[in-house]
Every structure is written in C-alpha cells, then in structure tokens.
Amino acid sequence: MARMKVLLTEDIPSLGLAGEVHTVARGYARNYLLPRREAILATKGALKQAEDIRQAAIRKRAQERSNADAQAEVLGGQQLLFNVRAGDNDRLYGSITTSDIAERMEETVEFEVDRRRILLSQPIRELGLYDVTIRLMAEVEATFAVAVVREGEGWADAEQREQDREAAAQAEAEAEAAAELVDDASNADAEED
C-alpha cells in the first residue's frame, strides 16, 4: 500500500500532535488530512517549519486547557432539574438524552455545551438523581447532578426518592444475607444428620 510522510499542523487524537511527522496511507493524507489542512506534505521546507508549528500548538493547547479548566469550574456542581411525565413505576414516558442535558446546561451556564462530550452510557429512563460527567478535554472533566422528577415536584422530592431507593436496596441486601445464613445453617444441620 502506498504511504506518504506528512507534517501535522493540528493535533489529531488518533495520530499525533502538531509538528510531528507521520507516515500515513496516501488516501488518508490526500482525502482527509490535506484538504482539512490538518497536515502538509513533509518536504524539506515544511520540516524547517516543524518547530514553529510545534510551539504554536503548545501555546494553543495551553489556551484550550485554561478554557476547559474555567468551563469545568463553572459546570462542576451544577444542578439540573427535569420535570417530566412518568408512570406509577417511576419509568418516564420518553427519556432524557445527552442532547436534552446539553440544551438545559446551555440555558443555565450561557455558553455552548457539546452533547458528544457528555458521558452518559444510556438515556435516563427513570425518575431519580444522577451524577453526570462531561469530558471537556482529555484530562479535564466536570461532574454535575441531574434530577428527574414528576411534573410539579422539586429537588427535595428527587433526594427523598433516592434515599427511599437506597434504604430499600439495603433492606433487600440484609434480607438476602439473612436468608443465606438460614440456608447455610440448614445445610450444616442436614450434613450432621
């Protein structure tokens, strides 16, 4: 397969940092990297510019990092409340997605929030309290709370529901442990006979 050397002008997560020279497939370079100006051909003249590109990228990453840290400080600890319709079993009629969370967060903090950066394994489909993480950069994350309650309820209702759920789970765990002890005791008695 034909390959070619390119000098990266932008950081590319799957490939490398700006100012580095990489050998890539010719089609990848010609159809993706070069048209998007994320790389240039690694000629002698371009290689002379590599250090300048590297230093500019370092400054750009530092600026992005400080912006991400500032955003993380604003986003961390936020509390978003969603009033929704739900059935008697606490299941939602619909779901809360990363798009919904990003939209509500944008209203709260008044800057753009990329829904693809919100780490939610699956849409929220039940009433309750949820800790949601947003990854702003590779090393910068912020966690905030999302409460999903019935229409007309508030944050305190979500907290109470969560406490009730935890108490029920603990009571169930204790009942299972007690049942195991009884089973173990009856098995021990049966072995003695």
N, C-alpha and C. Protein backbone atom coordinates (compact mmCIF):
# COMPACT_ATOMS: atom_id res chain seq x y z
N MET A 1 0.86 -1.17 0.00
CA MET A 1 0.00 0.00 0.00
C MET A 1 0.90 1.23 0.00
N ALA A 2 0.53 2.20 -0.80
CA ALA A 2 1.33 3.43 -0.91
C ALA A 2 1.15 4.28 0.34
N ARG A 3 2.27 4.76 0.85
CA ARG A 3 2.25 5.59 2.05
C ARG A 3 3.02 6.87 1.78
N MET A 4 2.75 7.88 2.56
CA MET A 4 3.47 9.14 2.40
C MET A 4 3.70 9.79 3.75
N LYS A 5 4.73 10.63 3.83
CA LYS A 5 5.06 11.34 5.07
C LYS A 5 4.37 12.69 5.06
N VAL A 6 3.76 13.00 6.22
CA VAL A 6 3.09 14.29 6.38
C VAL A 6 3.55 14.92 7.69
N LEU A 7 3.49 16.23 7.72
CA LEU A 7 3.78 17.01 8.92
C LEU A 7 2.44 17.50 9.44
N LEU A 8 2.08 17.11 10.65
CA LEU A 8 0.80 17.51 11.23
C LEU A 8 0.82 18.99 11.59
N THR A 9 -0.23 19.70 11.21
CA THR A 9 -0.36 21.12 11.57
C THR A 9 -1.38 21.30 12.70
N GLU A 10 -2.15 20.25 12.99
CA GLU A 10 -3.14 20.25 14.06
C GLU A 10 -2.95 18.98 14.88
N ASP A 11 -3.39 19.01 16.13
CA ASP A 11 -3.40 17.80 16.94
C ASP A 11 -4.50 16.88 16.43
N ILE A 12 -4.17 15.62 16.19
CA ILE A 12 -5.16 14.63 15.74
C ILE A 12 -5.10 13.48 16.74
N PRO A 13 -6.17 13.31 17.54
CA PRO A 13 -6.13 12.34 18.64
C PRO A 13 -5.68 10.94 18.23
N SER A 14 -6.11 10.46 17.08
CA SER A 14 -5.78 9.10 16.69
C SER A 14 -4.41 8.98 16.04
N LEU A 15 -3.74 10.11 15.79
CA LEU A 15 -2.50 10.07 15.04
C LEU A 15 -1.32 10.69 15.78
N GLY A 16 -1.43 11.94 16.20
CA GLY A 16 -0.32 12.57 16.89
C GLY A 16 -0.56 14.05 17.11
N LEU A 17 0.50 14.72 17.57
CA LEU A 17 0.43 16.14 17.90
C LEU A 17 0.98 16.99 16.77
N ALA A 18 0.57 18.23 16.74
CA ALA A 18 1.03 19.16 15.71
C ALA A 18 2.55 19.29 15.77
N GLY A 19 3.17 19.33 14.58
CA GLY A 19 4.62 19.45 14.49
C GLY A 19 5.32 18.12 14.35
N GLU A 20 4.59 17.02 14.49
CA GLU A 20 5.18 15.69 14.33
C GLU A 20 5.05 15.21 12.89
N VAL A 21 6.02 14.41 12.46
CA VAL A 21 5.99 13.81 11.12
C VAL A 21 5.52 12.37 11.26
N HIS A 22 4.53 11.99 10.46
CA HIS A 22 3.99 10.63 10.49
C HIS A 22 3.87 10.09 9.07
N THR A 23 4.02 8.81 8.94
CA THR A 23 3.80 8.13 7.67
C THR A 23 2.39 7.57 7.70
N VAL A 24 1.58 7.98 6.73
CA VAL A 24 0.17 7.57 6.69
C VAL A 24 -0.15 7.06 5.30
N ALA A 25 -1.30 6.42 5.18
CA ALA A 25 -1.76 5.94 3.88
C ALA A 25 -1.97 7.14 2.96
N ARG A 26 -1.62 6.97 1.71
CA ARG A 26 -1.72 8.05 0.74
C ARG A 26 -3.16 8.58 0.64
N GLY A 27 -4.12 7.68 0.62
CA GLY A 27 -5.53 8.10 0.53
C GLY A 27 -5.98 8.90 1.75
N TYR A 28 -5.53 8.48 2.93
CA TYR A 28 -5.88 9.20 4.16
C TYR A 28 -5.33 10.61 4.11
N ALA A 29 -4.09 10.74 3.65
CA ALA A 29 -3.48 12.07 3.56
C ALA A 29 -4.18 12.91 2.50
N ARG A 30 -4.34 12.35 1.32
CA ARG A 30 -4.87 13.12 0.19
C ARG A 30 -6.35 13.45 0.36
N ASN A 31 -7.13 12.55 0.93
CA ASN A 31 -8.58 12.75 1.00
C ASN A 31 -9.07 13.33 2.32
N TYR A 32 -8.26 13.26 3.36
CA TYR A 32 -8.72 13.73 4.67
C TYR A 32 -7.81 14.80 5.27
N LEU A 33 -6.56 14.45 5.52
CA LEU A 33 -5.67 15.36 6.23
C LEU A 33 -5.35 16.63 5.45
N LEU A 34 -4.93 16.48 4.20
CA LEU A 34 -4.51 17.65 3.41
C LEU A 34 -5.67 18.60 3.10
N PRO A 35 -6.84 18.13 2.64
CA PRO A 35 -7.94 19.07 2.38
C PRO A 35 -8.42 19.81 3.62
N ARG A 36 -8.33 19.19 4.77
CA ARG A 36 -8.78 19.83 6.02
C ARG A 36 -7.68 20.67 6.64
N ARG A 37 -6.54 20.72 5.99
CA ARG A 37 -5.37 21.49 6.45
C ARG A 37 -4.91 21.06 7.85
N GLU A 38 -5.07 19.78 8.13
CA GLU A 38 -4.59 19.23 9.39
C GLU A 38 -3.16 18.72 9.25
N ALA A 39 -2.68 18.64 7.99
CA ALA A 39 -1.32 18.19 7.73
C ALA A 39 -0.86 18.78 6.40
N ILE A 40 0.47 18.83 6.24
CA ILE A 40 1.07 19.23 4.97
C ILE A 40 2.10 18.17 4.61
N LEU A 41 2.47 18.12 3.33
CA LEU A 41 3.49 17.16 2.91
C LEU A 41 4.79 17.45 3.64
N ALA A 42 5.49 16.41 4.03
CA ALA A 42 6.73 16.57 4.80
C ALA A 42 7.91 16.80 3.85
N THR A 43 7.95 17.98 3.24
CA THR A 43 9.06 18.35 2.37
C THR A 43 10.15 19.00 3.22
N LYS A 44 11.31 19.25 2.61
CA LYS A 44 12.41 19.88 3.35
C LYS A 44 12.00 21.25 3.89
N GLY A 45 11.29 22.03 3.09
CA GLY A 45 10.83 23.34 3.53
C GLY A 45 9.84 23.25 4.67
N ALA A 46 8.94 22.27 4.59
CA ALA A 46 7.95 22.09 5.65
C ALA A 46 8.60 21.63 6.94
N LEU A 47 9.62 20.78 6.82
CA LEU A 47 10.30 20.29 8.02
C LEU A 47 11.02 21.41 8.77
N LYS A 48 11.42 22.46 8.06
CA LYS A 48 12.03 23.62 8.71
C LYS A 48 11.00 24.36 9.56
N GLN A 49 9.73 24.25 9.19
CA GLN A 49 8.66 24.92 9.93
C GLN A 49 8.16 24.08 11.11
N ALA A 50 8.60 22.84 11.22
CA ALA A 50 8.06 21.91 12.22
C ALA A 50 8.15 22.46 13.63
N GLU A 51 9.27 23.07 13.99
CA GLU A 51 9.42 23.59 15.36
C GLU A 51 8.47 24.74 15.61
N ASP A 52 8.28 25.61 14.63
CA ASP A 52 7.32 26.71 14.79
C ASP A 52 5.91 26.17 14.97
N ILE A 53 5.55 25.17 14.17
CA ILE A 53 4.22 24.56 14.28
C ILE A 53 4.06 23.92 15.66
N ARG A 54 5.10 23.24 16.13
CA ARG A 54 5.06 22.57 17.44
C ARG A 54 4.86 23.60 18.56
N GLN A 55 5.60 24.71 18.51
CA GLN A 55 5.47 25.74 19.55
C GLN A 55 4.09 26.40 19.52
N ALA A 56 3.57 26.67 18.32
CA ALA A 56 2.23 27.25 18.20
C ALA A 56 1.18 26.29 18.77
N ALA A 57 1.36 25.00 18.52
CA ALA A 57 0.42 24.01 19.03
C ALA A 57 0.47 23.94 20.56
N ILE A 58 1.66 24.05 21.11
CA ILE A 58 1.80 24.03 22.57
C ILE A 58 1.06 25.22 23.19
N ARG A 59 1.23 26.39 22.59
CA ARG A 59 0.50 27.58 23.09
C ARG A 59 -1.00 27.39 22.96
N LYS A 60 -1.43 26.83 21.82
CA LYS A 60 -2.87 26.62 21.59
C LYS A 60 -3.43 25.62 22.61
N ARG A 61 -2.70 24.52 22.87
CA ARG A 61 -3.16 23.54 23.86
C ARG A 61 -3.24 24.15 25.25
N ALA A 62 -2.28 25.01 25.60
CA ALA A 62 -2.31 25.66 26.91
C ALA A 62 -3.53 26.57 27.04
N GLN A 63 -3.85 27.29 25.97
CA GLN A 63 -5.02 28.17 25.98
C GLN A 63 -6.30 27.33 26.09
N GLU A 64 -6.38 26.25 25.31
CA GLU A 64 -7.55 25.38 25.38
C GLU A 64 -7.69 24.75 26.76
N ARG A 65 -6.57 24.39 27.36
CA ARG A 65 -6.61 23.79 28.69
C ARG A 65 -7.13 24.78 29.73
N SER A 66 -6.67 26.03 29.65
CA SER A 66 -7.15 27.02 30.62
C SER A 66 -8.64 27.30 30.40
N ASN A 67 -9.09 27.32 29.14
CA ASN A 67 -10.52 27.49 28.86
C ASN A 67 -11.32 26.31 29.41
N ALA A 68 -10.81 25.10 29.19
CA ALA A 68 -11.50 23.91 29.67
C ALA A 68 -11.56 23.89 31.20
N ASP A 69 -10.47 24.28 31.85
CA ASP A 69 -10.47 24.35 33.32
C ASP A 69 -11.51 25.35 33.83
N ALA A 70 -11.60 26.49 33.16
CA ALA A 70 -12.59 27.50 33.56
C ALA A 70 -14.00 26.98 33.36
N GLN A 71 -14.24 26.30 32.23
CA GLN A 71 -15.56 25.74 31.99
C GLN A 71 -15.88 24.64 33.00
N ALA A 72 -14.90 23.83 33.32
CA ALA A 72 -15.11 22.75 34.30
C ALA A 72 -15.49 23.32 35.66
N GLU A 73 -14.88 24.43 36.01
CA GLU A 73 -15.19 25.07 37.29
C GLU A 73 -16.64 25.55 37.30
N VAL A 74 -17.11 26.07 36.17
CA VAL A 74 -18.49 26.56 36.08
C VAL A 74 -19.47 25.39 36.05
N LEU A 75 -19.14 24.35 35.28
CA LEU A 75 -20.06 23.22 35.11
C LEU A 75 -20.12 22.32 36.33
N GLY A 76 -18.99 22.14 37.00
CA GLY A 76 -18.94 21.25 38.16
C GLY A 76 -19.86 21.74 39.27
N GLY A 77 -20.63 20.84 39.78
CA GLY A 77 -21.52 21.19 40.88
C GLY A 77 -22.86 21.77 40.45
N GLN A 78 -23.07 21.96 39.15
CA GLN A 78 -24.37 22.46 38.69
C GLN A 78 -25.45 21.43 39.02
N GLN A 79 -26.67 21.89 39.14
CA GLN A 79 -27.80 21.00 39.39
C GLN A 79 -28.88 21.29 38.35
N LEU A 80 -29.20 20.29 37.55
CA LEU A 80 -30.23 20.43 36.53
C LEU A 80 -31.46 19.65 36.96
N LEU A 81 -32.62 20.28 36.85
CA LEU A 81 -33.88 19.66 37.24
C LEU A 81 -34.74 19.46 36.00
N PHE A 82 -35.18 18.23 35.78
CA PHE A 82 -36.05 17.91 34.66
C PHE A 82 -37.40 17.48 35.22
N ASN A 83 -38.46 18.21 34.90
CA ASN A 83 -39.82 17.84 35.27
C ASN A 83 -40.43 17.11 34.09
N VAL A 84 -40.80 15.84 34.30
CA VAL A 84 -41.27 15.00 33.21
C VAL A 84 -42.52 14.23 33.63
N ARG A 85 -43.16 13.64 32.64
CA ARG A 85 -44.28 12.75 32.91
C ARG A 85 -43.73 11.35 33.11
N ALA A 86 -44.27 10.66 34.13
CA ALA A 86 -43.80 9.31 34.43
C ALA A 86 -44.96 8.46 34.91
N GLY A 87 -44.80 7.16 34.74
CA GLY A 87 -45.81 6.21 35.19
C GLY A 87 -45.69 5.93 36.67
N ASP A 88 -46.56 5.07 37.19
CA ASP A 88 -46.55 4.73 38.61
C ASP A 88 -45.29 3.99 39.02
N ASN A 89 -44.63 3.32 38.08
CA ASN A 89 -43.42 2.56 38.39
C ASN A 89 -42.16 3.41 38.24
N ASP A 90 -42.30 4.72 38.21
CA ASP A 90 -41.20 5.69 38.09
C ASP A 90 -40.49 5.65 36.74
N ARG A 91 -41.07 4.99 35.76
CA ARG A 91 -40.50 4.97 34.40
C ARG A 91 -41.03 6.18 33.64
N LEU A 92 -40.14 6.82 32.88
CA LEU A 92 -40.51 8.00 32.12
C LEU A 92 -41.29 7.64 30.87
N TYR A 93 -42.15 8.54 30.44
CA TYR A 93 -42.77 8.44 29.12
C TYR A 93 -41.81 9.15 28.18
N GLY A 94 -40.80 8.43 27.72
CA GLY A 94 -39.74 9.02 26.92
C GLY A 94 -38.43 8.85 27.67
N SER A 95 -37.47 9.72 27.39
CA SER A 95 -36.18 9.62 28.07
C SER A 95 -35.47 10.98 28.05
N ILE A 96 -34.46 11.10 28.90
CA ILE A 96 -33.60 12.29 28.94
C ILE A 96 -32.29 11.88 28.27
N THR A 97 -31.93 12.57 27.19
CA THR A 97 -30.73 12.23 26.43
C THR A 97 -29.64 13.26 26.66
N THR A 98 -28.47 13.00 26.09
CA THR A 98 -27.36 13.95 26.19
C THR A 98 -27.73 15.28 25.54
N SER A 99 -28.54 15.23 24.49
CA SER A 99 -28.99 16.48 23.84
C SER A 99 -29.83 17.31 24.80
N ASP A 100 -30.74 16.65 25.52
CA ASP A 100 -31.58 17.36 26.48
C ASP A 100 -30.73 17.98 27.59
N ILE A 101 -29.77 17.22 28.07
CA ILE A 101 -28.91 17.71 29.14
C ILE A 101 -28.07 18.88 28.65
N ALA A 102 -27.50 18.77 27.45
CA ALA A 102 -26.68 19.86 26.90
C ALA A 102 -27.51 21.12 26.71
N GLU A 103 -28.71 20.96 26.21
CA GLU A 103 -29.59 22.11 25.99
C GLU A 103 -29.92 22.81 27.31
N ARG A 104 -30.26 22.03 28.34
CA ARG A 104 -30.60 22.61 29.64
C ARG A 104 -29.37 23.27 30.27
N MET A 105 -28.19 22.64 30.10
CA MET A 105 -26.96 23.19 30.66
C MET A 105 -26.61 24.51 29.98
N GLU A 106 -26.81 24.59 28.66
CA GLU A 106 -26.54 25.83 27.94
C GLU A 106 -27.41 26.97 28.46
N GLU A 107 -28.66 26.66 28.77
CA GLU A 107 -29.55 27.68 29.34
C GLU A 107 -29.04 28.16 30.69
N THR A 108 -28.48 27.25 31.46
CA THR A 108 -28.02 27.55 32.81
C THR A 108 -26.71 28.34 32.81
N VAL A 109 -25.71 27.90 32.02
CA VAL A 109 -24.38 28.50 32.08
C VAL A 109 -24.12 29.54 31.00
N GLU A 110 -24.98 29.60 30.01
CA GLU A 110 -24.92 30.61 28.94
C GLU A 110 -23.65 30.50 28.08
N PHE A 111 -23.16 29.29 27.86
CA PHE A 111 -22.17 29.05 26.81
C PHE A 111 -22.46 27.67 26.22
N GLU A 112 -21.91 27.43 25.04
CA GLU A 112 -22.23 26.22 24.30
C GLU A 112 -21.64 24.98 24.97
N VAL A 113 -22.47 23.94 25.06
CA VAL A 113 -22.05 22.67 25.63
C VAL A 113 -22.25 21.60 24.55
N ASP A 114 -21.19 20.90 24.21
CA ASP A 114 -21.24 19.87 23.18
C ASP A 114 -21.81 18.59 23.77
N ARG A 115 -22.93 18.13 23.24
CA ARG A 115 -23.60 16.94 23.77
C ARG A 115 -22.72 15.69 23.66
N ARG A 116 -21.81 15.66 22.68
CA ARG A 116 -20.96 14.49 22.49
C ARG A 116 -19.92 14.35 23.60
N ARG A 117 -19.72 15.40 24.36
CA ARG A 117 -18.75 15.35 25.45
C ARG A 117 -19.38 14.89 26.77
N ILE A 118 -20.71 14.81 26.80
CA ILE A 118 -21.41 14.35 27.99
C ILE A 118 -21.35 12.83 28.04
N LEU A 119 -20.83 12.30 29.13
CA LEU A 119 -20.64 10.85 29.27
C LEU A 119 -21.86 10.25 29.95
N LEU A 120 -22.73 9.69 29.14
CA LEU A 120 -23.95 9.06 29.62
C LEU A 120 -24.08 7.75 28.86
N SER A 121 -23.97 6.62 29.56
CA SER A 121 -23.93 5.33 28.89
C SER A 121 -25.22 5.03 28.14
N GLN A 122 -26.33 5.48 28.67
CA GLN A 122 -27.62 5.30 28.01
C GLN A 122 -28.56 6.40 28.48
N PRO A 123 -29.61 6.69 27.70
CA PRO A 123 -30.54 7.74 28.12
C PRO A 123 -31.17 7.44 29.47
N ILE A 124 -31.52 8.48 30.20
CA ILE A 124 -32.15 8.33 31.52
C ILE A 124 -33.63 8.02 31.29
N ARG A 125 -34.09 6.92 31.87
CA ARG A 125 -35.47 6.49 31.64
C ARG A 125 -36.26 6.32 32.94
N GLU A 126 -35.66 6.69 34.08
CA GLU A 126 -36.35 6.56 35.37
C GLU A 126 -36.19 7.83 36.18
N LEU A 127 -37.14 8.07 37.07
CA LEU A 127 -37.04 9.19 37.99
C LEU A 127 -35.87 8.95 38.93
N GLY A 128 -35.22 10.01 39.36
CA GLY A 128 -34.13 9.86 40.32
C GLY A 128 -33.06 10.91 40.17
N LEU A 129 -32.01 10.76 40.97
CA LEU A 129 -30.84 11.64 40.93
C LEU A 129 -29.71 10.92 40.19
N TYR A 130 -29.02 11.66 39.33
CA TYR A 130 -27.94 11.09 38.55
C TYR A 130 -26.74 12.02 38.57
N ASP A 131 -25.55 11.46 38.73
CA ASP A 131 -24.31 12.22 38.57
C ASP A 131 -23.87 12.03 37.13
N VAL A 132 -23.70 13.13 36.41
CA VAL A 132 -23.34 13.10 35.00
C VAL A 132 -21.98 13.77 34.85
N THR A 133 -21.13 13.18 34.03
CA THR A 133 -19.78 13.71 33.80
C THR A 133 -19.69 14.23 32.38
N ILE A 134 -19.00 15.36 32.23
CA ILE A 134 -18.72 15.91 30.92
C ILE A 134 -17.20 16.00 30.77
N ARG A 135 -16.69 15.46 29.64
CA ARG A 135 -15.24 15.50 29.39
C ARG A 135 -14.97 16.66 28.45
N LEU A 136 -14.34 17.70 28.97
CA LEU A 136 -14.05 18.90 28.18
C LEU A 136 -12.77 18.74 27.37
N MET A 137 -11.80 18.05 27.92
CA MET A 137 -10.54 17.72 27.25
C MET A 137 -10.11 16.36 27.77
N ALA A 138 -8.99 15.87 27.27
CA ALA A 138 -8.53 14.55 27.68
C ALA A 138 -8.37 14.45 29.20
N GLU A 139 -7.81 15.47 29.86
CA GLU A 139 -7.59 15.41 31.30
C GLU A 139 -8.55 16.28 32.11
N VAL A 140 -9.53 16.90 31.46
CA VAL A 140 -10.41 17.84 32.15
C VAL A 140 -11.84 17.34 32.09
N GLU A 141 -12.38 17.01 33.26
CA GLU A 141 -13.77 16.56 33.37
C GLU A 141 -14.46 17.34 34.48
N ALA A 142 -15.77 17.42 34.37
CA ALA A 142 -16.59 18.05 35.41
C ALA A 142 -17.79 17.15 35.65
N THR A 143 -18.23 17.08 36.90
CA THR A 143 -19.39 16.27 37.24
C THR A 143 -20.47 17.19 37.80
N PHE A 144 -21.71 16.95 37.37
CA PHE A 144 -22.83 17.74 37.86
C PHE A 144 -24.01 16.80 38.10
N ALA A 145 -25.01 17.30 38.82
CA ALA A 145 -26.15 16.48 39.21
C ALA A 145 -27.34 16.76 38.31
N VAL A 146 -28.06 15.70 37.99
CA VAL A 146 -29.29 15.80 37.22
C VAL A 146 -30.38 15.12 38.03
N ALA A 147 -31.45 15.84 38.28
CA ALA A 147 -32.60 15.27 38.99
C ALA A 147 -33.75 15.18 38.01
N VAL A 148 -34.35 13.99 37.93
CA VAL A 148 -35.50 13.76 37.07
C VAL A 148 -36.68 13.47 37.98
N VAL A 149 -37.67 14.37 37.95
CA VAL A 149 -38.82 14.27 38.85
C VAL A 149 -40.12 14.40 38.05
N ARG A 150 -41.21 14.01 38.72
CA ARG A 150 -42.53 14.18 38.10
C ARG A 150 -42.86 15.67 38.00
N GLU A 151 -43.76 15.97 37.09
CA GLU A 151 -44.20 17.36 36.94
C GLU A 151 -44.75 17.85 38.27
N GLY A 152 -44.31 19.03 38.68
CA GLY A 152 -44.76 19.61 39.92
C GLY A 152 -43.89 19.29 41.12
N GLU A 153 -42.95 18.38 40.98
CA GLU A 153 -42.05 18.04 42.08
C GLU A 153 -40.79 18.89 41.98
N GLY A 154 -39.98 18.85 43.05
CA GLY A 154 -38.75 19.63 43.09
C GLY A 154 -37.55 18.79 43.45
N TRP A 155 -36.44 19.48 43.70
CA TRP A 155 -35.18 18.80 44.01
C TRP A 155 -35.29 17.94 45.28
N ALA A 156 -35.98 18.44 46.29
CA ALA A 156 -36.13 17.69 47.55
C ALA A 156 -36.85 16.37 47.31
N ASP A 157 -37.82 16.35 46.41
CA ASP A 157 -38.53 15.11 46.10
C ASP A 157 -37.59 14.09 45.47
N ALA A 158 -36.69 14.55 44.61
CA ALA A 158 -35.70 13.66 43.99
C ALA A 158 -34.76 13.08 45.04
N GLU A 159 -34.31 13.92 45.97
CA GLU A 159 -33.43 13.44 47.04
C GLU A 159 -34.14 12.42 47.91
N GLN A 160 -35.41 12.68 48.24
CA GLN A 160 -36.18 11.76 49.07
C GLN A 160 -36.37 10.43 48.35
N ARG A 161 -36.68 10.47 47.06
CA ARG A 161 -36.85 9.26 46.27
C ARG A 161 -35.55 8.44 46.27
N GLU A 162 -34.42 9.13 46.15
CA GLU A 162 -33.12 8.45 46.14
C GLU A 162 -32.83 7.80 47.50
N GLN A 163 -33.16 8.50 48.59
CA GLN A 163 -32.97 7.93 49.93
C GLN A 163 -33.84 6.70 50.13
N ASP A 164 -35.09 6.78 49.66
CA ASP A 164 -36.00 5.64 49.77
C ASP A 164 -35.47 4.45 48.97
N ARG A 165 -34.93 4.72 47.78
CA ARG A 165 -34.38 3.66 46.93
C ARG A 165 -33.18 2.99 47.60
N GLU A 166 -32.30 3.82 48.20
CA GLU A 166 -31.12 3.27 48.88
C GLU A 166 -31.52 2.44 50.10
N ALA A 167 -32.52 2.92 50.85
CA ALA A 167 -32.99 2.18 52.02
C ALA A 167 -33.60 0.84 51.60
N ALA A 168 -34.36 0.83 50.52
CA ALA A 168 -34.96 -0.41 50.03
C ALA A 168 -33.88 -1.39 49.56
N ALA A 169 -32.88 -0.88 48.88
CA ALA A 169 -31.78 -1.74 48.42
C ALA A 169 -31.01 -2.32 49.60
N GLN A 170 -30.79 -1.52 50.64
CA GLN A 170 -30.07 -2.01 51.81
C GLN A 170 -30.90 -3.06 52.55
N ALA A 171 -32.21 -2.82 52.68
CA ALA A 171 -33.09 -3.79 53.34
C ALA A 171 -33.11 -5.09 52.55
N GLU A 172 -33.11 -5.00 51.23
CA GLU A 172 -33.11 -6.21 50.40
C GLU A 172 -31.79 -6.98 50.57
N ALA A 173 -30.68 -6.24 50.63
CA ALA A 173 -29.38 -6.89 50.82
C ALA A 173 -29.31 -7.58 52.17
N GLU A 174 -29.85 -6.93 53.20
CA GLU A 174 -29.86 -7.53 54.53
C GLU A 174 -30.74 -8.77 54.57
N ALA A 175 -31.88 -8.72 53.87
CA ALA A 175 -32.78 -9.88 53.82
C ALA A 175 -32.10 -11.05 53.10
N GLU A 176 -31.37 -10.76 52.02
CA GLU A 176 -30.65 -11.81 51.30
C GLU A 176 -29.56 -12.41 52.18
N ALA A 177 -28.85 -11.57 52.92
CA ALA A 177 -27.80 -12.06 53.81
C ALA A 177 -28.39 -12.95 54.90
N ALA A 178 -29.52 -12.54 55.45
CA ALA A 178 -30.19 -13.34 56.49
C ALA A 178 -30.66 -14.67 55.90
N ALA A 179 -31.19 -14.64 54.69
CA ALA A 179 -31.65 -15.87 54.04
C ALA A 179 -30.47 -16.80 53.79
N GLU A 180 -29.33 -16.27 53.42
CA GLU A 180 -28.13 -17.07 53.21
C GLU A 180 -27.68 -17.74 54.50
N LEU A 181 -27.73 -16.98 55.60
CA LEU A 181 -27.35 -17.56 56.89
C LEU A 181 -28.27 -18.71 57.27
N VAL A 182 -29.56 -18.53 57.01
CA VAL A 182 -30.53 -19.59 57.33
C VAL A 182 -30.25 -20.81 56.46
N ASP A 183 -29.98 -20.58 55.16
CA ASP A 183 -29.67 -21.69 54.25
C ASP A 183 -28.41 -22.41 54.69
N ASP A 184 -27.38 -21.65 55.05
CA ASP A 184 -26.12 -22.25 55.50
C ASP A 184 -26.34 -23.07 56.76
N ALA A 185 -27.14 -22.53 57.68
CA ALA A 185 -27.42 -23.25 58.93
C ALA A 185 -28.20 -24.53 58.65
N SER A 186 -29.18 -24.48 57.76
CA SER A 186 -29.97 -25.68 57.46
C SER A 186 -29.14 -26.70 56.70
N ASN A 187 -28.22 -26.24 55.84
CA ASN A 187 -27.32 -27.16 55.14
C ASN A 187 -26.37 -27.84 56.13
N ALA A 188 -25.89 -27.08 57.12
CA ALA A 188 -25.00 -27.64 58.13
C ALA A 188 -25.74 -28.68 58.97
N ASP A 189 -27.01 -28.41 59.33
CA ASP A 189 -27.81 -29.37 60.08
C ASP A 189 -28.06 -30.63 59.28
N ALA A 190 -28.31 -30.46 57.97
CA ALA A 190 -28.57 -31.64 57.12
C ALA A 190 -27.32 -32.49 56.99
N GLU A 191 -26.14 -31.88 56.96
CA GLU A 191 -24.90 -32.64 56.86
C GLU A 191 -24.60 -33.41 58.13
N GLU A 192 -25.02 -32.88 59.28
CA GLU A 192 -24.79 -33.55 60.57
C GLU A 192 -25.64 -34.79 60.69
N ASP A 193 -26.84 -34.77 60.07
CA ASP A 193 -27.75 -35.92 60.19
C ASP A 193 -27.29 -37.02 59.36
